[in-house]
Amino acid sequence: MADLGTAPEIKVCPRCGRVFECRRNDPAHCDCARVELCAATRSAINGRYRDCLCLPCLTALAAGADLAGDAPKAQA
């Protein structure tokens, strides 16, 4: 039986619309913990979005992409 406290949650990225598995209840596997973001970028993300972003968006933002800029296109 899966541990419900660490089961991934299916979400839609508010930046690009991609469906992804959020693992914020399992910090060792959470995408937010895997991508190194500076404090200013984290603060900007928290100020603009109310929910988690997908790994491609987090990676793009870590590389300097604009919050509202060219979000990675969701795969169909």
C-alpha atoms as a PDB file:
ATOM      1  CA  MET A   1       0.000   0.000   0.000  1.00  0.00           C
ATOM      2  CA  ALA A   2       1.354   3.433  -0.934  1.00  0.00           C
ATOM      3  CA  ASP A   3       2.070   5.972   1.770  1.00  0.00           C
ATOM      4  CA  LEU A   4      -0.598   8.611   1.139  1.00  0.00           C
ATOM      5  CA  GLY A   5       1.577  11.250   2.775  1.00  0.00           C
ATOM      6  CA  THR A   6       4.185  10.977   0.024  1.00  0.00           C
ATOM      7  CA  ALA A   7       2.018  10.007  -2.958  1.00  0.00           C
ATOM      8  CA  PRO A   8       2.461  12.397  -5.895  1.00  0.00           C
ATOM      9  CA  GLU A   9      -0.359  14.774  -6.710  1.00  0.00           C
ATOM     10  CA  ILE A  10      -1.335  15.373 -10.347  1.00  0.00           C
ATOM     11  CA  LYS A  11      -1.304  19.109 -11.092  1.00  0.00           C
ATOM     12  CA  VAL A  12      -1.374  21.497 -14.027  1.00  0.00           C
ATOM     13  CA  CYS A  13       1.511  23.965 -14.160  1.00  0.00           C
ATOM     14  CA  PRO A  14       0.094  27.497 -13.915  1.00  0.00           C
ATOM     15  CA  ARG A  15       2.930  28.843 -16.095  1.00  0.00           C
ATOM     16  CA  CYS A  16       2.773  26.521 -19.118  1.00  0.00           C
ATOM     17  CA  GLY A  17      -0.285  24.276 -18.695  1.00  0.00           C
ATOM     18  CA  ARG A  18       1.717  21.035 -18.558  1.00  0.00           C
ATOM     19  CA  VAL A  19       0.292  18.195 -16.445  1.00  0.00           C
ATOM     20  CA  PHE A  20       2.887  16.921 -13.965  1.00  0.00           C
ATOM     21  CA  GLU A  21       3.318  14.945 -10.761  1.00  0.00           C
ATOM     22  CA  CYS A  22       3.883  17.212  -7.773  1.00  0.00           C
ATOM     23  CA  ARG A  23       5.849  15.571  -4.968  1.00  0.00           C
ATOM     24  CA  ARG A  24       5.920  18.389  -2.454  1.00  0.00           C
ATOM     25  CA  ASN A  25       4.869  15.895   0.231  1.00  0.00           C
ATOM     26  CA  ASP A  26       8.085  13.962  -0.482  1.00  0.00           C
ATOM     27  CA  PRO A  27      10.833  16.622  -0.270  1.00  0.00           C
ATOM     28  CA  ALA A  28      13.586  14.212  -1.340  1.00  0.00           C
ATOM     29  CA  HIS A  29      11.849  13.832  -4.724  1.00  0.00           C
ATOM     30  CA  CYS A  30      10.213  17.256  -5.081  1.00  0.00           C
ATOM     31  CA  ASP A  31      11.182  19.135  -8.246  1.00  0.00           C
ATOM     32  CA  CYS A  32      11.406  22.347  -6.214  1.00  0.00           C
ATOM     33  CA  ALA A  33      14.202  20.779  -4.175  1.00  0.00           C
ATOM     34  CA  ARG A  34      15.997  19.499  -7.297  1.00  0.00           C
ATOM     35  CA  VAL A  35      16.278  22.897  -9.022  1.00  0.00           C
ATOM     36  CA  GLU A  36      18.493  25.548  -7.484  1.00  0.00           C
ATOM     37  CA  LEU A  37      16.654  28.875  -7.482  1.00  0.00           C
ATOM     38  CA  CYS A  38      17.960  32.078  -5.960  1.00  0.00           C
ATOM     39  CA  ALA A  39      15.909  33.727  -3.221  1.00  0.00           C
ATOM     40  CA  ALA A  40      14.726  36.504  -5.549  1.00  0.00           C
ATOM     41  CA  THR A  41      13.414  34.014  -8.122  1.00  0.00           C
ATOM     42  CA  ARG A  42      11.673  31.940  -5.443  1.00  0.00           C
ATOM     43  CA  SER A  43      10.068  35.086  -4.078  1.00  0.00           C
ATOM     44  CA  ALA A  44       8.931  36.163  -7.552  1.00  0.00           C
ATOM     45  CA  ILE A  45       7.446  32.714  -8.231  1.00  0.00           C
ATOM     46  CA  ASN A  46       5.605  32.767  -4.899  1.00  0.00           C
ATOM     47  CA  GLY A  47       4.281  36.247  -5.638  1.00  0.00           C
ATOM     48  CA  ARG A  48       2.985  35.356  -9.090  1.00  0.00           C
ATOM     49  CA  TYR A  49       1.775  31.749  -8.819  1.00  0.00           C
ATOM     50  CA  ARG A  50      -0.375  30.114  -6.159  1.00  0.00           C
ATOM     51  CA  ASP A  51       0.675  26.564  -6.943  1.00  0.00           C
ATOM     52  CA  CYS A  52       3.691  24.487  -7.913  1.00  0.00           C
ATOM     53  CA  LEU A  53       5.424  24.770 -11.281  1.00  0.00           C
ATOM     54  CA  CYS A  54       6.581  21.856 -13.420  1.00  0.00           C
ATOM     55  CA  LEU A  55      10.250  20.883 -13.695  1.00  0.00           C
ATOM     56  CA  PRO A  56      10.756  22.414 -17.195  1.00  0.00           C
ATOM     57  CA  CYS A  57       9.426  25.772 -15.968  1.00  0.00           C
ATOM     58  CA  LEU A  58      11.513  25.658 -12.788  1.00  0.00           C
ATOM     59  CA  THR A  59      14.587  24.804 -14.860  1.00  0.00           C
ATOM     60  CA  ALA A  60      13.881  27.631 -17.318  1.00  0.00           C
ATOM     61  CA  LEU A  61      13.414  30.132 -14.487  1.00  0.00           C
ATOM     62  CA  ALA A  62      16.629  28.955 -12.821  1.00  0.00           C
ATOM     63  CA  ALA A  63      18.394  29.651 -16.130  1.00  0.00           C
ATOM     64  CA  GLY A  64      17.061  33.210 -16.152  1.00  0.00           C
ATOM     65  CA  ALA A  65      13.803  32.984 -18.125  1.00  0.00           C
ATOM     66  CA  ASP A  66      11.192  35.649 -17.464  1.00  0.00           C
ATOM     67  CA  LEU A  67       8.290  34.599 -15.208  1.00  0.00           C
ATOM     68  CA  ALA A  68       5.690  35.508 -17.810  1.00  0.00           C
ATOM     69  CA  GLY A  69       7.974  34.958 -20.802  1.00  0.00           C
ATOM     70  CA  ASP A  70       8.343  32.019 -23.107  1.00  0.00           C
ATOM     71  CA  ALA A  71       7.155  29.104 -21.005  1.00  0.00           C
ATOM     72  CA  PRO A  72       8.193  25.684 -22.300  1.00  0.00           C
ATOM     73  CA  LYS A  73       5.403  24.327 -24.479  1.00  0.00           C
ATOM     74  CA  ALA A  74       3.384  21.506 -22.937  1.00  0.00           C
ATOM     75  CA  GLN A  75       3.644  18.200 -24.767  1.00  0.00           C
ATOM     76  CA  ALA A  76       0.399  17.144 -26.425  1.00  0.00           C
END
